Amino acid sequence: MDMTRILECNMSACAYNMTNRCHTPGINVGSHAECNTYTHASGKGGVPEANAGVGACLAADCKFNEQLECRASNIDVASHNRHADCETYQVRS
């Protein structure tokens, strides 16, 4: 199974963000669609060659969540109330 890819992340203060791209192998999305992997740091970490994906999703009410896995074709992560959120999150109908 392939992980859902993160196309863009505007959380420039995150240690894994380089040029609006996430450079850790995988993130976890929390129960309120927040990026639980967001790490505020002045120094950069991660792997420049990595194209991050969603390792696990705990947002049970998201329409893309199937058995704690993200099934969206890709996601974006953006700032929301001073933390990082999955912008692709949609409430299951």
PDB file of N, CA and C in Angstrom:
ATOM      1  N   MET A   1       0.824  -1.177   0.000  1.00  0.00           N
ATOM      2  CA  MET A   1       0.000   0.000   0.000  1.00  0.00           C
ATOM      3  C   MET A   1       0.873   1.248   0.000  1.00  0.00           C
ATOM      4  N   ASP A   2       0.536   2.205  -0.817  1.00  0.00           N
ATOM      5  CA  ASP A   2       1.252   3.473  -0.855  1.00  0.00           C
ATOM      6  C   ASP A   2       0.609   4.455   0.110  1.00  0.00           C
ATOM      7  N   MET A   3       1.431   5.258   0.761  1.00  0.00           N
ATOM      8  CA  MET A   3       0.904   6.289   1.647  1.00  0.00           C
ATOM      9  C   MET A   3       0.405   7.462   0.819  1.00  0.00           C
ATOM     10  N   THR A   4      -0.638   8.124   1.329  1.00  0.00           N
ATOM     11  CA  THR A   4      -1.138   9.347   0.714  1.00  0.00           C
ATOM     12  C   THR A   4      -0.058  10.410   0.821  1.00  0.00           C
ATOM     13  N   ARG A   5       0.283  11.042  -0.264  1.00  0.00           N
ATOM     14  CA  ARG A   5       1.355  12.035  -0.306  1.00  0.00           C
ATOM     15  C   ARG A   5       0.892  13.405   0.167  1.00  0.00           C
ATOM     16  N   ILE A   6       1.816  14.147   0.759  1.00  0.00           N
ATOM     17  CA  ILE A   6       1.574  15.531   1.159  1.00  0.00           C
ATOM     18  C   ILE A   6       2.118  16.412   0.045  1.00  0.00           C
ATOM     19  N   LEU A   7       1.231  17.119  -0.640  1.00  0.00           N
ATOM     20  CA  LEU A   7       1.668  17.964  -1.750  1.00  0.00           C
ATOM     21  C   LEU A   7       2.321  19.252  -1.270  1.00  0.00           C
ATOM     22  N   GLU A   8       1.721  19.883  -0.258  1.00  0.00           N
ATOM     23  CA  GLU A   8       2.247  21.158   0.202  1.00  0.00           C
ATOM     24  C   GLU A   8       1.990  21.324   1.695  1.00  0.00           C
ATOM     25  N   CYS A   9       2.924  21.996   2.362  1.00  0.00           N
ATOM     26  CA  CYS A   9       2.774  22.334   3.769  1.00  0.00           C
ATOM     27  C   CYS A   9       3.306  23.755   3.956  1.00  0.00           C
ATOM     28  N   ASN A  10       2.463  24.653   4.468  1.00  0.00           N
ATOM     29  CA  ASN A  10       2.920  26.037   4.636  1.00  0.00           C
ATOM     30  C   ASN A  10       3.429  26.342   6.045  1.00  0.00           C
ATOM     31  N   MET A  11       3.653  25.334   6.862  1.00  0.00           N
ATOM     32  CA  MET A  11       4.154  25.529   8.224  1.00  0.00           C
ATOM     33  C   MET A  11       5.675  25.678   8.195  1.00  0.00           C
ATOM     34  N   SER A  12       6.141  26.857   7.770  1.00  0.00           N
ATOM     35  CA  SER A  12       7.573  27.068   7.568  1.00  0.00           C
ATOM     36  C   SER A  12       8.393  26.936   8.844  1.00  0.00           C
ATOM     37  N   ALA A  13       7.783  27.118  10.021  1.00  0.00           N
ATOM     38  CA  ALA A  13       8.513  26.974  11.281  1.00  0.00           C
ATOM     39  C   ALA A  13       8.732  25.514  11.663  1.00  0.00           C
ATOM     40  N   CYS A  14       8.085  24.588  10.976  1.00  0.00           N
ATOM     41  CA  CYS A  14       8.246  23.170  11.293  1.00  0.00           C
ATOM     42  C   CYS A  14       9.641  22.695  10.877  1.00  0.00           C
ATOM     43  N   ALA A  15      10.240  21.904  11.721  1.00  0.00           N
ATOM     44  CA  ALA A  15      11.589  21.390  11.449  1.00  0.00           C
ATOM     45  C   ALA A  15      11.641  20.543  10.180  1.00  0.00           C
ATOM     46  N   TYR A  16      10.517  19.958   9.783  1.00  0.00           N
ATOM     47  CA  TYR A  16      10.494  19.090   8.604  1.00  0.00           C
ATOM     48  C   TYR A  16      10.134  19.825   7.319  1.00  0.00           C
ATOM     49  N   ASN A  17       9.826  21.120   7.409  1.00  0.00           N
ATOM     50  CA  ASN A  17       9.411  21.889   6.246  1.00  0.00           C
ATOM     51  C   ASN A  17      10.615  22.521   5.561  1.00  0.00           C
ATOM     52  N   MET A  18      10.768  22.211   4.280  1.00  0.00           N
ATOM     53  CA  MET A  18      11.782  22.840   3.444  1.00  0.00           C
ATOM     54  C   MET A  18      11.077  23.263   2.159  1.00  0.00           C
ATOM     55  N   THR A  19      11.060  24.559   1.901  1.00  0.00           N
ATOM     56  CA  THR A  19      10.416  25.128   0.704  1.00  0.00           C
ATOM     57  C   THR A  19       8.974  24.654   0.538  1.00  0.00           C
ATOM     58  N   ASN A  20       8.206  24.751   1.614  1.00  0.00           N
ATOM     59  CA  ASN A  20       6.780  24.376   1.640  1.00  0.00           C
ATOM     60  C   ASN A  20       6.510  22.911   1.299  1.00  0.00           C
ATOM     61  N   ARG A  21       7.479  22.071   1.543  1.00  0.00           N
ATOM     62  CA  ARG A  21       7.323  20.627   1.370  1.00  0.00           C
ATOM     63  C   ARG A  21       7.746  19.937   2.652  1.00  0.00           C
ATOM     64  N   CYS A  22       7.057  18.862   2.980  1.00  0.00           N
ATOM     65  CA  CYS A  22       7.369  18.097   4.175  1.00  0.00           C
ATOM     66  C   CYS A  22       8.416  17.040   3.829  1.00  0.00           C
ATOM     67  N   HIS A  23       9.478  17.003   4.636  1.00  0.00           N
ATOM     68  CA  HIS A  23      10.592  16.101   4.334  1.00  0.00           C
ATOM     69  C   HIS A  23      10.874  15.107   5.450  1.00  0.00           C
ATOM     70  N   THR A  24       9.808  14.521   5.971  1.00  0.00           N
ATOM     71  CA  THR A  24       9.940  13.368   6.849  1.00  0.00           C
ATOM     72  C   THR A  24       9.225  12.228   6.126  1.00  0.00           C
ATOM     73  N   PRO A  25       9.611  11.001   6.302  1.00  0.00           N
ATOM     74  CA  PRO A  25       8.962   9.924   5.548  1.00  0.00           C
ATOM     75  C   PRO A  25       7.448   9.847   5.741  1.00  0.00           C
ATOM     76  N   GLY A  26       6.961  10.139   6.959  1.00  0.00           N
ATOM     77  CA  GLY A  26       5.523  10.047   7.180  1.00  0.00           C
ATOM     78  C   GLY A  26       5.085  10.895   8.358  1.00  0.00           C
ATOM     79  N   ILE A  27       3.846  11.379   8.294  1.00  0.00           N
ATOM     80  CA  ILE A  27       3.261  12.128   9.404  1.00  0.00           C
ATOM     81  C   ILE A  27       2.067  11.358   9.955  1.00  0.00           C
ATOM     82  N   ASN A  28       1.631  11.751  11.134  1.00  0.00           N
ATOM     83  CA  ASN A  28       0.376  11.256  11.697  1.00  0.00           C
ATOM     84  C   ASN A  28      -0.593  12.422  11.774  1.00  0.00           C
ATOM     85  N   VAL A  29      -1.825  12.184  11.371  1.00  0.00           N
ATOM     86  CA  VAL A  29      -2.887  13.172  11.483  1.00  0.00           C
ATOM     87  C   VAL A  29      -3.716  12.789  12.701  1.00  0.00           C
ATOM     88  N   GLY A  30      -3.934  13.758  13.592  1.00  0.00           N
ATOM     89  CA  GLY A  30      -4.640  13.503  14.834  1.00  0.00           C
ATOM     90  C   GLY A  30      -6.145  13.521  14.704  1.00  0.00           C
ATOM     91  N   SER A  31      -6.817  13.315  15.814  1.00  0.00           N
ATOM     92  CA  SER A  31      -8.277  13.168  15.819  1.00  0.00           C
ATOM     93  C   SER A  31      -9.019  14.432  15.418  1.00  0.00           C
ATOM     94  N   HIS A  32      -8.375  15.592  15.495  1.00  0.00           N
ATOM     95  CA  HIS A  32      -9.009  16.851  15.072  1.00  0.00           C
ATOM     96  C   HIS A  32      -8.404  17.343  13.764  1.00  0.00           C
ATOM     97  N   ALA A  33      -7.862  16.432  12.968  1.00  0.00           N
ATOM     98  CA  ALA A  33      -7.237  16.692  11.667  1.00  0.00           C
ATOM     99  C   ALA A  33      -5.947  17.497  11.769  1.00  0.00           C
ATOM    100  N   GLU A  34      -5.330  17.518  12.965  1.00  0.00           N
ATOM    101  CA  GLU A  34      -4.077  18.244  13.126  1.00  0.00           C
ATOM    102  C   GLU A  34      -2.895  17.346  12.762  1.00  0.00           C
ATOM    103  N   CYS A  35      -1.840  17.981  12.290  1.00  0.00           N
ATOM    104  CA  CYS A  35      -0.616  17.241  11.993  1.00  0.00           C
ATOM    105  C   CYS A  35       0.117  17.026  13.307  1.00  0.00           C
ATOM    106  N   ASN A  36       0.105  15.818  13.816  1.00  0.00           N
ATOM    107  CA  ASN A  36       0.763  15.502  15.082  1.00  0.00           C
ATOM    108  C   ASN A  36       2.278  15.445  14.964  1.00  0.00           C
ATOM    109  N   THR A  37       2.796  15.510  13.761  1.00  0.00           N
ATOM    110  CA  THR A  37       4.236  15.432  13.551  1.00  0.00           C
ATOM    111  C   THR A  37       4.864  16.820  13.518  1.00  0.00           C
ATOM    112  N   TYR A  38       4.038  17.860  13.438  1.00  0.00           N
ATOM    113  CA  TYR A  38       4.541  19.239  13.433  1.00  0.00           C
ATOM    114  C   TYR A  38       5.489  19.452  14.604  1.00  0.00           C
ATOM    115  N   THR A  39       6.687  19.923  14.305  1.00  0.00           N
ATOM    116  CA  THR A  39       7.713  20.153  15.313  1.00  0.00           C
ATOM    117  C   THR A  39       8.296  21.535  15.116  1.00  0.00           C
ATOM    118  N   HIS A  40       7.991  22.440  16.046  1.00  0.00           N
ATOM    119  CA  HIS A  40       8.514  23.798  15.969  1.00  0.00           C
ATOM    120  C   HIS A  40       9.978  23.778  16.401  1.00  0.00           C
ATOM    121  N   ALA A  41      10.839  24.191  15.503  1.00  0.00           N
ATOM    122  CA  ALA A  41      12.264  24.223  15.817  1.00  0.00           C
ATOM    123  C   ALA A  41      12.965  25.176  14.864  1.00  0.00           C
ATOM    124  N   SER A  42      14.010  25.809  15.348  1.00  0.00           N
ATOM    125  CA  SER A  42      14.761  26.718  14.485  1.00  0.00           C
ATOM    126  C   SER A  42      15.650  25.943  13.518  1.00  0.00           C
ATOM    127  N   GLY A  43      16.143  24.794  13.946  1.00  0.00           N
ATOM    128  CA  GLY A  43      16.954  23.954  13.070  1.00  0.00           C
ATOM    129  C   GLY A  43      16.079  23.044  12.234  1.00  0.00           C
ATOM    130  N   LYS A  44      16.563  22.669  11.085  1.00  0.00           N
ATOM    131  CA  LYS A  44      15.804  21.789  10.188  1.00  0.00           C
ATOM    132  C   LYS A  44      16.230  20.341  10.378  1.00  0.00           C
ATOM    133  N   GLY A  45      15.272  19.449  10.223  1.00  0.00           N
ATOM    134  CA  GLY A  45      15.520  18.021  10.313  1.00  0.00           C
ATOM    135  C   GLY A  45      14.921  17.351   9.099  1.00  0.00           C
ATOM    136  N   GLY A  46      14.725  16.072   9.188  1.00  0.00           N
ATOM    137  CA  GLY A  46      14.138  15.342   8.076  1.00  0.00           C
ATOM    138  C   GLY A  46      15.170  14.937   7.047  1.00  0.00           C
ATOM    139  N   VAL A  47      14.674  14.432   5.951  1.00  0.00           N
ATOM    140  CA  VAL A  47      15.515  13.922   4.874  1.00  0.00           C
ATOM    141  C   VAL A  47      15.175  14.694   3.604  1.00  0.00           C
ATOM    142  N   PRO A  48      16.112  15.457   3.046  1.00  0.00           N
ATOM    143  CA  PRO A  48      15.794  16.275   1.872  1.00  0.00           C
ATOM    144  C   PRO A  48      15.155  15.488   0.725  1.00  0.00           C
ATOM    145  N   GLU A  49      15.515  14.221   0.556  1.00  0.00           N
ATOM    146  CA  GLU A  49      14.970  13.417  -0.544  1.00  0.00           C
ATOM    147  C   GLU A  49      13.575  12.872  -0.252  1.00  0.00           C
ATOM    148  N   ALA A  50      13.142  12.941   1.002  1.00  0.00           N
ATOM    149  CA  ALA A  50      11.851  12.346   1.376  1.00  0.00           C
ATOM    150  C   ALA A  50      10.690  13.162   0.838  1.00  0.00           C
ATOM    151  N   ASN A  51       9.689  12.461   0.359  1.00  0.00           N
ATOM    152  CA  ASN A  51       8.409  13.047  -0.027  1.00  0.00           C
ATOM    153  C   ASN A  51       7.388  12.483   0.940  1.00  0.00           C
ATOM    154  N   ALA A  52       7.029  13.274   1.934  1.00  0.00           N
ATOM    155  CA  ALA A  52       6.222  12.794   3.053  1.00  0.00           C
ATOM    156  C   ALA A  52       4.864  12.257   2.639  1.00  0.00           C
ATOM    157  N   GLY A  53       4.406  11.317   3.437  1.00  0.00           N
ATOM    158  CA  GLY A  53       3.083  10.749   3.265  1.00  0.00           C
ATOM    159  C   GLY A  53       2.388  10.671   4.611  1.00  0.00           C
ATOM    160  N   VAL A  54       1.130  10.282   4.595  1.00  0.00           N
ATOM    161  CA  VAL A  54       0.352  10.148   5.829  1.00  0.00           C
ATOM    162  C   VAL A  54       0.493   8.711   6.313  1.00  0.00           C
ATOM    163  N   GLY A  55       1.151   8.542   7.454  1.00  0.00           N
ATOM    164  CA  GLY A  55       1.351   7.216   8.014  1.00  0.00           C
ATOM    165  C   GLY A  55       0.117   6.682   8.714  1.00  0.00           C
ATOM    166  N   ALA A  56      -0.584   7.562   9.424  1.00  0.00           N
ATOM    167  CA  ALA A  56      -1.801   7.171  10.138  1.00  0.00           C
ATOM    168  C   ALA A  56      -2.705   8.383  10.242  1.00  0.00           C
ATOM    169  N   CYS A  57      -3.999   8.121  10.256  1.00  0.00           N
ATOM    170  CA  CYS A  57      -4.980   9.192  10.420  1.00  0.00           C
ATOM    171  C   CYS A  57      -5.973   8.785  11.497  1.00  0.00           C
ATOM    172  N   LEU A  58      -6.065   9.621  12.532  1.00  0.00           N
ATOM    173  CA  LEU A  58      -6.972   9.354  13.642  1.00  0.00           C
ATOM    174  C   LEU A  58      -8.257  10.171  13.551  1.00  0.00           C
ATOM    175  N   ALA A  59      -8.426  10.946  12.489  1.00  0.00           N
ATOM    176  CA  ALA A  59      -9.642  11.746  12.302  1.00  0.00           C
ATOM    177  C   ALA A  59     -10.762  10.825  11.821  1.00  0.00           C
ATOM    178  N   ALA A  60     -11.403  10.152  12.761  1.00  0.00           N
ATOM    179  CA  ALA A  60     -12.381   9.101  12.455  1.00  0.00           C
ATOM    180  C   ALA A  60     -13.561   9.595  11.638  1.00  0.00           C
ATOM    181  N   ASP A  61     -13.898  10.879  11.747  1.00  0.00           N
ATOM    182  CA  ASP A  61     -15.053  11.390  11.015  1.00  0.00           C
ATOM    183  C   ASP A  61     -14.697  11.951   9.638  1.00  0.00           C
ATOM    184  N   CYS A  62     -13.456  11.784   9.201  1.00  0.00           N
ATOM    185  CA  CYS A  62     -13.051  12.248   7.866  1.00  0.00           C
ATOM    186  C   CYS A  62     -13.490  11.240   6.815  1.00  0.00           C
ATOM    187  N   LYS A  63     -14.019  11.728   5.716  1.00  0.00           N
ATOM    188  CA  LYS A  63     -14.511  10.835   4.668  1.00  0.00           C
ATOM    189  C   LYS A  63     -13.395  10.043   3.990  1.00  0.00           C
ATOM    190  N   PHE A  64     -12.160  10.488   4.138  1.00  0.00           N
ATOM    191  CA  PHE A  64     -11.037   9.789   3.517  1.00  0.00           C
ATOM    192  C   PHE A  64     -10.399   8.740   4.437  1.00  0.00           C
ATOM    193  N   ASN A  65     -10.844   8.662   5.685  1.00  0.00           N
ATOM    194  CA  ASN A  65     -10.275   7.745   6.659  1.00  0.00           C
ATOM    195  C   ASN A  65     -10.924   6.370   6.528  1.00  0.00           C
ATOM    196  N   GLU A  66     -10.102   5.375   6.246  1.00  0.00           N
ATOM    197  CA  GLU A  66     -10.546   3.982   6.198  1.00  0.00           C
ATOM    198  C   GLU A  66      -9.592   3.160   7.052  1.00  0.00           C
ATOM    199  N   GLN A  67     -10.080   2.667   8.153  1.00  0.00           N
ATOM    200  CA  GLN A  67      -9.302   1.842   9.072  1.00  0.00           C
ATOM    201  C   GLN A  67      -8.021   2.547   9.521  1.00  0.00           C
ATOM    202  N   LEU A  68      -8.156   3.832   9.858  1.00  0.00           N
ATOM    203  CA  LEU A  68      -7.073   4.686  10.337  1.00  0.00           C
ATOM    204  C   LEU A  68      -6.012   4.983   9.281  1.00  0.00           C
ATOM    205  N   GLU A  69      -6.334   4.765   8.027  1.00  0.00           N
ATOM    206  CA  GLU A  69      -5.449   5.087   6.907  1.00  0.00           C
ATOM    207  C   GLU A  69      -6.110   6.142   6.043  1.00  0.00           C
ATOM    208  N   CYS A  70      -5.321   7.068   5.525  1.00  0.00           N
ATOM    209  CA  CYS A  70      -5.840   8.116   4.645  1.00  0.00           C
ATOM    210  C   CYS A  70      -5.949   7.570   3.227  1.00  0.00           C
ATOM    211  N   ARG A  71      -7.120   7.729   2.634  1.00  0.00           N
ATOM    212  CA  ARG A  71      -7.356   7.266   1.267  1.00  0.00           C
ATOM    213  C   ARG A  71      -7.565   8.413   0.276  1.00  0.00           C
ATOM    214  N   ALA A  72      -7.259   9.648   0.699  1.00  0.00           N
ATOM    215  CA  ALA A  72      -7.306  10.772  -0.246  1.00  0.00           C
ATOM    216  C   ALA A  72      -6.188  10.579  -1.261  1.00  0.00           C
ATOM    217  N   SER A  73      -6.336  11.147  -2.434  1.00  0.00           N
ATOM    218  CA  SER A  73      -5.282  11.002  -3.440  1.00  0.00           C
ATOM    219  C   SER A  73      -4.011  11.722  -3.008  1.00  0.00           C
ATOM    220  N   ASN A  74      -4.141  12.821  -2.263  1.00  0.00           N
ATOM    221  CA  ASN A  74      -3.029  13.561  -1.680  1.00  0.00           C
ATOM    222  C   ASN A  74      -3.621  14.563  -0.694  1.00  0.00           C
ATOM    223  N   ILE A  75      -2.785  15.181   0.126  1.00  0.00           N
ATOM    224  CA  ILE A  75      -3.277  16.180   1.071  1.00  0.00           C
ATOM    225  C   ILE A  75      -2.380  17.409   1.064  1.00  0.00           C
ATOM    226  N   ASP A  76      -2.908  18.495   1.625  1.00  0.00           N
ATOM    227  CA  ASP A  76      -2.145  19.699   1.930  1.00  0.00           C
ATOM    228  C   ASP A  76      -2.240  19.923   3.426  1.00  0.00           C
ATOM    229  N   VAL A  77      -1.184  20.469   4.002  1.00  0.00           N
ATOM    230  CA  VAL A  77      -1.159  20.824   5.416  1.00  0.00           C
ATOM    231  C   VAL A  77      -0.946  22.326   5.496  1.00  0.00           C
ATOM    232  N   ALA A  78      -1.729  22.998   6.360  1.00  0.00           N
ATOM    233  CA  ALA A  78      -1.631  24.451   6.468  1.00  0.00           C
ATOM    234  C   ALA A  78      -1.878  24.905   7.890  1.00  0.00           C
ATOM    235  N   SER A  79      -1.518  26.140   8.154  1.00  0.00           N
ATOM    236  CA  SER A  79      -1.684  26.732   9.469  1.00  0.00           C
ATOM    237  C   SER A  79      -3.151  26.969   9.786  1.00  0.00           C
ATOM    238  N   HIS A  80      -3.531  26.599  11.006  1.00  0.00           N
ATOM    239  CA  HIS A  80      -4.883  26.841  11.499  1.00  0.00           C
ATOM    240  C   HIS A  80      -4.779  27.103  12.998  1.00  0.00           C
ATOM    241  N   ASN A  81      -5.102  28.304  13.438  1.00  0.00           N
ATOM    242  CA  ASN A  81      -5.014  28.672  14.861  1.00  0.00           C
ATOM    243  C   ASN A  81      -3.656  28.324  15.473  1.00  0.00           C
ATOM    244  N   ARG A  82      -2.585  28.650  14.766  1.00  0.00           N
ATOM    245  CA  ARG A  82      -1.203  28.472  15.226  1.00  0.00           C
ATOM    246  C   ARG A  82      -0.743  27.023  15.319  1.00  0.00           C
ATOM    247  N   HIS A  83      -1.452  26.120  14.678  1.00  0.00           N
ATOM    248  CA  HIS A  83      -0.969  24.740  14.584  1.00  0.00           C
ATOM    249  C   HIS A  83      -1.219  24.246  13.158  1.00  0.00           C
ATOM    250  N   ALA A  84      -0.682  23.105  12.837  1.00  0.00           N
ATOM    251  CA  ALA A  84      -0.794  22.554  11.484  1.00  0.00           C
ATOM    252  C   ALA A  84      -2.002  21.633  11.374  1.00  0.00           C
ATOM    253  N   ASP A  85      -2.822  21.830  10.358  1.00  0.00           N
ATOM    254  CA  ASP A  85      -4.000  20.993  10.115  1.00  0.00           C
ATOM    255  C   ASP A  85      -3.968  20.400   8.713  1.00  0.00           C
ATOM    256  N   CYS A  86      -4.591  19.247   8.567  1.00  0.00           N
ATOM    257  CA  CYS A  86      -4.800  18.658   7.251  1.00  0.00           C
ATOM    258  C   CYS A  86      -5.913  19.460   6.570  1.00  0.00           C
ATOM    259  N   GLU A  87      -5.589  20.147   5.502  1.00  0.00           N
ATOM    260  CA  GLU A  87      -6.559  20.970   4.781  1.00  0.00           C
ATOM    261  C   GLU A  87      -7.466  20.137   3.878  1.00  0.00           C
ATOM    262  N   THR A  88      -7.164  18.884   3.690  1.00  0.00           N
ATOM    263  CA  THR A  88      -7.958  18.003   2.834  1.00  0.00           C
ATOM    264  C   THR A  88      -9.093  17.348   3.614  1.00  0.00           C
ATOM    265  N   TYR A  89      -9.043  17.419   4.930  1.00  0.00           N
ATOM    266  CA  TYR A  89     -10.050  16.847   5.813  1.00  0.00           C
ATOM    267  C   TYR A  89     -11.456  17.284   5.386  1.00  0.00           C
ATOM    268  N   GLN A  90     -12.367  16.310   5.288  1.00  0.00           N
ATOM    269  CA  GLN A  90     -13.782  16.571   5.004  1.00  0.00           C
ATOM    270  C   GLN A  90     -14.609  15.643   5.882  1.00  0.00           C
ATOM    271  N   VAL A  91     -15.634  16.203   6.515  1.00  0.00           N
ATOM    272  CA  VAL A  91     -16.491  15.417   7.379  1.00  0.00           C
ATOM    273  C   VAL A  91     -17.231  14.369   6.557  1.00  0.00           C
ATOM    274  N   ARG A  92     -17.221  13.147   7.067  1.00  0.00           N
ATOM    275  CA  ARG A  92     -17.939  12.047   6.425  1.00  0.00           C
ATOM    276  C   ARG A  92     -19.434  12.351   6.467  1.00  0.00           C
ATOM    277  N   SER A  93     -20.115  12.145   5.350  1.00  0.00           N
ATOM    278  CA  SER A  93     -21.575  12.422   5.327  1.00  0.00           C
ATOM    279  C   SER A  93     -22.382  11.185   5.619  1.00  0.00           C
TER     280      SER A  93
END
